[in-house]
N, C-alpha and C. Protein backbone atom coordinates (compact mmCIF):
# COMPACT_ATOMS: atom_id res chain seq x y z
N MET A 1 1.32 -1.44 -0.16
CA MET A 1 0.34 0.20 0.12
C MET A 1 1.06 1.47 -0.01
N ARG A 2 0.15 2.61 -0.70
CA ARG A 2 1.19 3.55 -0.86
C ARG A 2 0.72 4.79 0.14
N TYR A 3 1.05 5.27 1.55
CA TYR A 3 0.60 6.64 2.02
C TYR A 3 1.75 7.92 0.99
N GLU A 4 0.59 9.04 1.51
CA GLU A 4 0.87 10.33 1.73
C GLU A 4 0.81 11.10 3.11
N THR A 5 2.27 11.50 3.21
CA THR A 5 1.64 12.62 4.37
C THR A 5 2.21 14.01 3.64
N LYS A 6 1.61 15.11 4.69
CA LYS A 6 2.30 16.68 3.77
C LYS A 6 2.63 16.60 5.21
N VAL A 7 3.52 17.28 5.40
CA VAL A 7 4.36 18.16 6.87
C VAL A 7 4.36 20.06 6.50
N LYS A 8 3.02 20.47 6.60
CA LYS A 8 3.04 22.16 6.49
C LYS A 8 3.21 23.26 8.51
N LEU A 9 4.67 23.11 7.32
CA LEU A 9 5.22 24.58 8.54
C LEU A 9 4.74 25.47 9.10
N PHE A 10 4.96 26.74 9.82
CA PHE A 10 4.09 27.78 9.94
C PHE A 10 5.11 28.68 10.98
N VAL A 11 5.53 29.76 11.05
CA VAL A 11 5.42 30.35 12.23
C VAL A 11 4.18 30.76 13.59
N GLU A 12 5.07 30.34 14.57
CA GLU A 12 3.87 30.55 15.53
C GLU A 12 2.82 30.94 16.43
N GLU A 13 3.65 32.01 15.86
CA GLU A 13 2.39 33.40 16.08
C GLU A 13 1.66 34.04 15.13
N ASP A 14 1.38 33.57 14.27
CA ASP A 14 1.19 33.78 13.32
C ASP A 14 1.28 32.82 11.82
N PRO A 15 0.25 31.40 12.26
CA PRO A 15 -0.31 30.71 11.71
C PRO A 15 0.04 30.45 9.89
N GLY A 16 -0.91 32.52 10.09
CA GLY A 16 -0.55 32.13 8.34
C GLY A 16 0.38 32.83 7.46
N GLU A 17 1.47 32.09 8.00
CA GLU A 17 2.67 32.72 7.52
C GLU A 17 3.64 30.99 8.06
N TRP A 18 3.71 31.00 6.37
CA TRP A 18 4.73 29.77 6.32
C TRP A 18 5.70 30.26 6.10
N ILE A 19 6.52 28.92 6.09
CA ILE A 19 7.62 29.18 5.93
C ILE A 19 8.34 28.32 4.91
N ALA A 20 9.25 29.26 4.21
CA ALA A 20 9.79 28.18 2.89
C ALA A 20 10.92 27.44 3.14
N CYS A 21 11.39 27.25 1.80
CA CYS A 21 12.96 26.86 1.44
C CYS A 21 13.17 25.88 2.26
N ALA A 22 12.50 25.62 3.69
CA ALA A 22 12.82 24.76 4.86
C ALA A 22 13.37 23.00 5.02
N ILE A 23 14.42 22.27 4.79
CA ILE A 23 14.91 21.15 4.75
C ILE A 23 13.67 20.50 6.29
N VAL A 24 13.13 19.01 5.41
CA VAL A 24 12.48 18.83 6.51
C VAL A 24 12.39 17.38 5.91
N CYS A 25 12.31 15.88 6.57
CA CYS A 25 12.39 15.09 7.43
C CYS A 25 11.21 14.27 7.72
N LEU A 26 10.93 13.25 7.11
CA LEU A 26 10.05 12.48 8.01
C LEU A 26 10.13 10.84 8.53
N TYR A 27 9.94 10.96 9.55
CA TYR A 27 10.68 9.22 10.00
C TYR A 27 9.44 8.32 10.90
N ASP A 28 9.77 6.71 10.73
CA ASP A 28 9.35 6.15 11.96
C ASP A 28 9.85 5.83 13.14
N ARG A 29 8.96 6.40 13.95
CA ARG A 29 10.28 6.03 15.39
C ARG A 29 9.91 4.77 15.61
N ASP A 30 11.30 3.99 16.01
CA ASP A 30 11.41 2.77 16.14
C ASP A 30 12.11 2.58 18.38
N ARG A 31 11.59 1.76 18.61
CA ARG A 31 12.50 1.67 19.95
C ARG A 31 13.34 0.20 19.75
N LEU A 32 12.95 -0.42 19.61
CA LEU A 32 13.87 -1.39 18.96
C LEU A 32 14.79 -2.11 18.28
N SER A 33 14.71 -0.90 17.52
CA SER A 33 15.72 -0.48 15.24
C SER A 33 15.91 1.38 15.90
N PRO A 34 16.61 0.97 14.52
CA PRO A 34 17.05 2.90 14.40
C PRO A 34 15.97 3.06 13.65
N ASP A 35 15.26 4.44 13.57
CA ASP A 35 13.98 5.04 13.29
C ASP A 35 14.47 5.09 11.04
N ASP A 36 13.71 4.74 10.64
CA ASP A 36 13.25 4.75 9.16
C ASP A 36 13.14 5.79 9.08
N GLN A 37 14.21 6.64 7.93
CA GLN A 37 13.90 7.55 7.11
C GLN A 37 12.43 8.15 6.29
N LEU A 38 11.87 8.15 6.42
CA LEU A 38 11.49 8.08 4.15
C LEU A 38 10.87 8.82 4.24
N GLY A 39 12.25 9.71 4.40
CA GLY A 39 11.73 11.38 3.38
C GLY A 39 12.57 11.91 3.35
N MET A 40 13.17 12.86 1.85
CA MET A 40 13.58 13.74 2.34
C MET A 40 13.05 15.77 1.68
N ASP A 41 12.14 16.17 2.23
CA ASP A 41 12.25 17.74 1.48
C ASP A 41 12.93 18.76 1.82
N VAL A 42 12.14 19.66 0.83
CA VAL A 42 12.06 20.99 1.46
C VAL A 42 10.62 21.69 0.64
N THR A 43 10.24 22.61 1.60
CA THR A 43 9.26 23.61 2.15
C THR A 43 9.00 24.20 0.95
N ASP A 44 7.64 23.79 0.41
CA ASP A 44 7.32 25.34 -0.87
C ASP A 44 6.70 26.10 -0.59
N SER A 45 6.41 26.96 -1.26
CA SER A 45 5.92 28.99 -1.12
C SER A 45 4.69 28.68 0.15
N TYR A 46 3.98 27.79 0.35
CA TYR A 46 2.48 27.55 1.46
C TYR A 46 3.55 26.30 2.11
N GLY A 47 4.52 26.86 2.75
CA GLY A 47 6.02 25.58 3.20
C GLY A 47 5.17 24.00 3.62
N GLU A 48 5.09 23.42 2.71
CA GLU A 48 4.71 22.78 2.57
C GLU A 48 5.51 21.52 2.09
N ALA A 49 5.53 20.94 3.10
CA ALA A 49 6.64 18.69 1.93
C ALA A 49 5.96 17.93 2.54
N THR A 50 5.50 17.35 1.15
CA THR A 50 5.14 16.30 0.48
C THR A 50 5.94 14.88 1.41
N PHE A 51 5.57 13.84 1.35
CA PHE A 51 5.99 12.39 1.70
C PHE A 51 5.35 11.75 1.43
N ARG A 52 5.85 10.41 -0.15
CA ARG A 52 4.94 9.51 -0.20
C ARG A 52 5.51 7.75 0.41
N PHE A 53 5.59 6.84 0.21
CA PHE A 53 6.10 5.88 1.35
C PHE A 53 5.46 4.66 1.13
N THR A 54 6.19 3.05 1.27
CA THR A 54 5.42 2.33 1.24
C THR A 54 5.36 1.45 3.04
N GLU A 55 4.96 0.80 3.00
CA GLU A 55 4.94 -0.01 4.23
C GLU A 55 6.28 -1.73 3.88
N ASP A 56 6.87 -0.88 2.84
CA ASP A 56 8.34 -2.07 2.72
C ASP A 56 9.28 -0.76 3.27
N ASP A 57 9.19 0.73 3.72
CA ASP A 57 9.77 1.85 3.72
C ASP A 57 10.42 2.11 5.44
N PHE A 58 8.82 1.64 6.22
CA PHE A 58 9.07 1.30 7.67
C PHE A 58 8.88 0.20 8.37
N LEU A 59 7.95 -1.04 7.62
CA LEU A 59 7.57 -2.20 8.23
C LEU A 59 8.83 -3.01 9.37
N ASP A 60 9.15 -2.85 10.12
CA ASP A 60 10.04 -4.15 10.71
C ASP A 60 8.83 -4.36 12.34
N PHE A 61 10.66 -5.07 12.97
CA PHE A 61 10.12 -5.51 13.96
C PHE A 61 8.73 -4.77 15.27
N ASP A 62 9.12 -3.57 15.23
CA ASP A 62 8.61 -2.17 16.00
C ASP A 62 7.53 -3.08 16.28
N ASP A 63 6.82 -2.19 14.66
CA ASP A 63 5.96 -1.78 13.97
C ASP A 63 4.59 -3.10 13.85
N ARG A 64 5.74 -4.25 13.67
CA ARG A 64 4.95 -5.63 14.06
C ARG A 64 4.17 -5.70 14.80
N VAL A 65 4.86 -5.60 15.91
CA VAL A 65 4.72 -5.88 18.23
C VAL A 65 3.82 -4.44 17.58
N GLY A 66 4.16 -3.57 17.86
CA GLY A 66 3.59 -2.04 18.16
C GLY A 66 2.33 -2.19 17.84
N GLY A 67 1.82 -2.06 16.10
CA GLY A 67 0.66 -1.84 15.77
C GLY A 67 1.23 -2.38 14.14
N ALA A 68 0.29 -2.54 12.71
CA ALA A 68 0.73 -2.13 11.15
C ALA A 68 1.07 -0.79 11.39
N LEU A 69 1.38 0.14 11.30
CA LEU A 69 1.04 1.42 10.74
C LEU A 69 2.22 2.28 11.56
N PRO A 70 2.38 2.88 10.75
CA PRO A 70 4.77 3.74 11.85
C PRO A 70 4.22 4.41 12.86
N GLU A 71 4.69 5.48 13.36
CA GLU A 71 4.71 6.49 14.60
C GLU A 71 5.69 7.33 14.16
N LEU A 72 4.49 8.59 12.67
CA LEU A 72 5.36 9.72 12.19
C LEU A 72 6.23 10.68 13.21
N TYR A 73 7.40 11.09 12.28
CA TYR A 73 7.68 12.28 13.54
C TYR A 73 8.31 12.95 11.92
N VAL A 74 8.69 14.35 13.05
CA VAL A 74 8.86 15.52 11.91
C VAL A 74 11.11 16.37 12.75
N ARG A 75 11.30 15.97 11.78
CA ARG A 75 13.07 16.84 12.40
C ARG A 75 12.93 18.54 10.59
N VAL A 76 13.21 19.24 11.62
CA VAL A 76 13.08 20.41 10.38
C VAL A 76 14.52 21.04 10.80
N TYR A 77 15.80 20.79 9.58
CA TYR A 77 16.89 21.45 9.18
C TYR A 77 16.83 22.73 8.58
N ASP A 78 18.01 23.19 9.16
CA ASP A 78 18.55 24.99 9.17
C ASP A 78 19.48 24.02 7.52
N SER A 79 19.65 25.24 7.02
CA SER A 79 20.99 25.59 6.05
C SER A 79 22.32 24.89 5.79
N ALA A 80 22.60 24.74 7.08
CA ALA A 80 23.79 24.29 7.78
C ALA A 80 23.69 23.07 8.34
N GLY A 81 21.96 22.43 7.75
CA GLY A 81 22.20 20.78 8.72
C GLY A 81 21.92 20.56 10.52
N GLU A 82 21.98 21.68 11.26
CA GLU A 82 21.71 21.21 12.50
C GLU A 82 20.09 21.55 12.04
N CYS A 83 19.14 20.38 13.85
CA CYS A 83 17.68 20.52 13.67
C CYS A 83 17.95 21.05 14.54
N VAL A 84 16.09 21.98 13.96
CA VAL A 84 15.71 22.91 14.91
C VAL A 84 14.26 22.79 15.41
N VAL A 85 13.51 21.72 14.73
CA VAL A 85 12.20 21.03 15.08
C VAL A 85 12.53 19.54 14.74
N SER A 86 11.88 19.37 15.94
CA SER A 86 12.00 17.70 16.04
C SER A 86 10.76 17.15 16.84
N THR A 87 9.88 16.20 16.34
CA THR A 87 8.05 16.25 16.71
C THR A 87 8.76 14.76 17.48
N ARG A 88 9.66 14.20 17.43
CA ARG A 88 10.15 12.97 17.58
C ARG A 88 9.10 12.30 18.94
N GLY A 89 9.23 13.09 20.38
CA GLY A 89 8.27 13.03 21.98
C GLY A 89 7.40 12.61 21.16
N GLY A 90 6.64 12.65 20.70
CA GLY A 90 5.38 13.48 20.29
C GLY A 90 4.82 12.53 19.44
N ALA A 91 5.24 11.18 18.65
CA ALA A 91 4.66 10.51 17.66
C ALA A 91 4.03 10.09 17.77
N GLU A 92 2.49 10.01 16.97
CA GLU A 92 1.53 8.80 16.86
C GLU A 92 1.51 7.90 17.60
N ARG A 93 0.71 6.95 17.85
CA ARG A 93 1.21 5.09 17.85
C ARG A 93 0.79 5.54 16.15
N ASN A 94 0.84 4.44 15.81
CA ASN A 94 0.21 3.13 15.23
C ASN A 94 -1.17 4.33 14.16
N ALA A 95 -0.71 5.30 13.48
CA ALA A 95 -1.08 6.39 12.32
C ALA A 95 -0.80 6.99 11.50
N ILE A 96 -0.99 7.09 10.28
CA ILE A 96 -0.66 8.14 9.66
C ILE A 96 -0.93 9.36 8.63
N PRO A 97 -1.24 9.97 9.02
CA PRO A 97 -2.05 11.80 9.56
C PRO A 97 -1.70 12.26 8.37
N THR A 98 -2.45 12.55 7.45
CA THR A 98 -2.29 12.99 5.86
C THR A 98 -1.69 14.92 5.88
N LEU A 99 -1.83 15.52 7.01
CA LEU A 99 -1.21 16.86 7.68
C LEU A 99 -0.75 16.73 8.56
N ILE A 100 0.05 17.37 8.55
CA ILE A 100 1.39 16.82 10.49
C ILE A 100 1.56 18.63 10.24
N ARG A 101 0.88 19.92 10.67
CA ARG A 101 1.32 20.79 11.04
C ARG A 101 2.63 21.06 11.86
N ILE A 102 3.31 22.22 11.54
CA ILE A 102 4.15 22.66 12.26
C ILE A 102 4.78 24.01 12.90
N PRO A 103 3.98 23.73 13.84
CA PRO A 103 5.17 25.66 14.27
C PRO A 103 6.22 25.63 14.93
N VAL A 104 6.72 26.76 14.58
CA VAL A 104 8.30 26.64 14.63
C VAL A 104 8.30 28.41 15.13
N ALA A 105 8.36 28.76 16.40
CA ALA A 105 8.47 29.87 17.32
C ALA A 105 9.62 30.91 15.95
N ARG A 106 8.82 32.52 16.40
CA ARG A 106 9.35 32.97 15.08
C ARG A 106 10.98 33.61 15.69
N GLU A 107 11.15 33.38 17.29
CA GLU A 107 12.55 33.71 17.69
C GLU A 107 13.41 33.11 17.07
N LEU A 108 13.19 31.63 16.79
CA LEU A 108 13.61 30.14 16.60
C LEU A 108 14.00 30.75 14.97
N ALA A 109 13.07 30.48 14.41
CA ALA A 109 12.92 30.67 12.80
C ALA A 109 14.21 31.68 12.20
N LYS A 110 14.49 32.86 12.72
CA LYS A 110 15.12 33.91 12.28
C LYS A 110 16.14 33.20 12.73
N LYS A 111 16.50 33.41 14.06
CA LYS A 111 17.61 32.62 14.49
C LYS A 111 18.67 31.71 12.94
N HIS A 112 17.70 31.06 12.51
CA HIS A 112 18.48 29.26 12.29
C HIS A 112 18.03 29.84 10.17
N GLY A 113 17.28 31.94 10.12
CA GLY A 113 17.40 31.30 8.67
C GLY A 113 16.64 31.16 7.99
N LEU A 114 14.87 30.79 8.55
CA LEU A 114 14.04 30.09 8.25
C LEU A 114 13.40 31.16 7.82
N ILE A 115 12.86 32.40 8.62
CA ILE A 115 12.33 33.43 8.25
C ILE A 115 12.69 34.22 7.85
């Protein structure tokens, strides 16, 4: 089966202000094996990055024990490759949302050159 998830980055203080040209990676969180990277994309002018993946990309021992679907989380990187935001701690179990909205504090976005 093929899945699609969009990630939307926006300025926390102004949800209508999108963050374009940010590097975004989507992962499946695992407990017993290394996390699976499901893709990397750069946000468009609407702050969106799109990821397409299949079960082959994430299904492993962790998923067979904890449920058949991944625990998706996002990491946002600046142009120097530094992780600015990670949602790993809040990954939802056994779910594939069609949209993951990620607020980034204005001060943090400015500090890392995202806006």
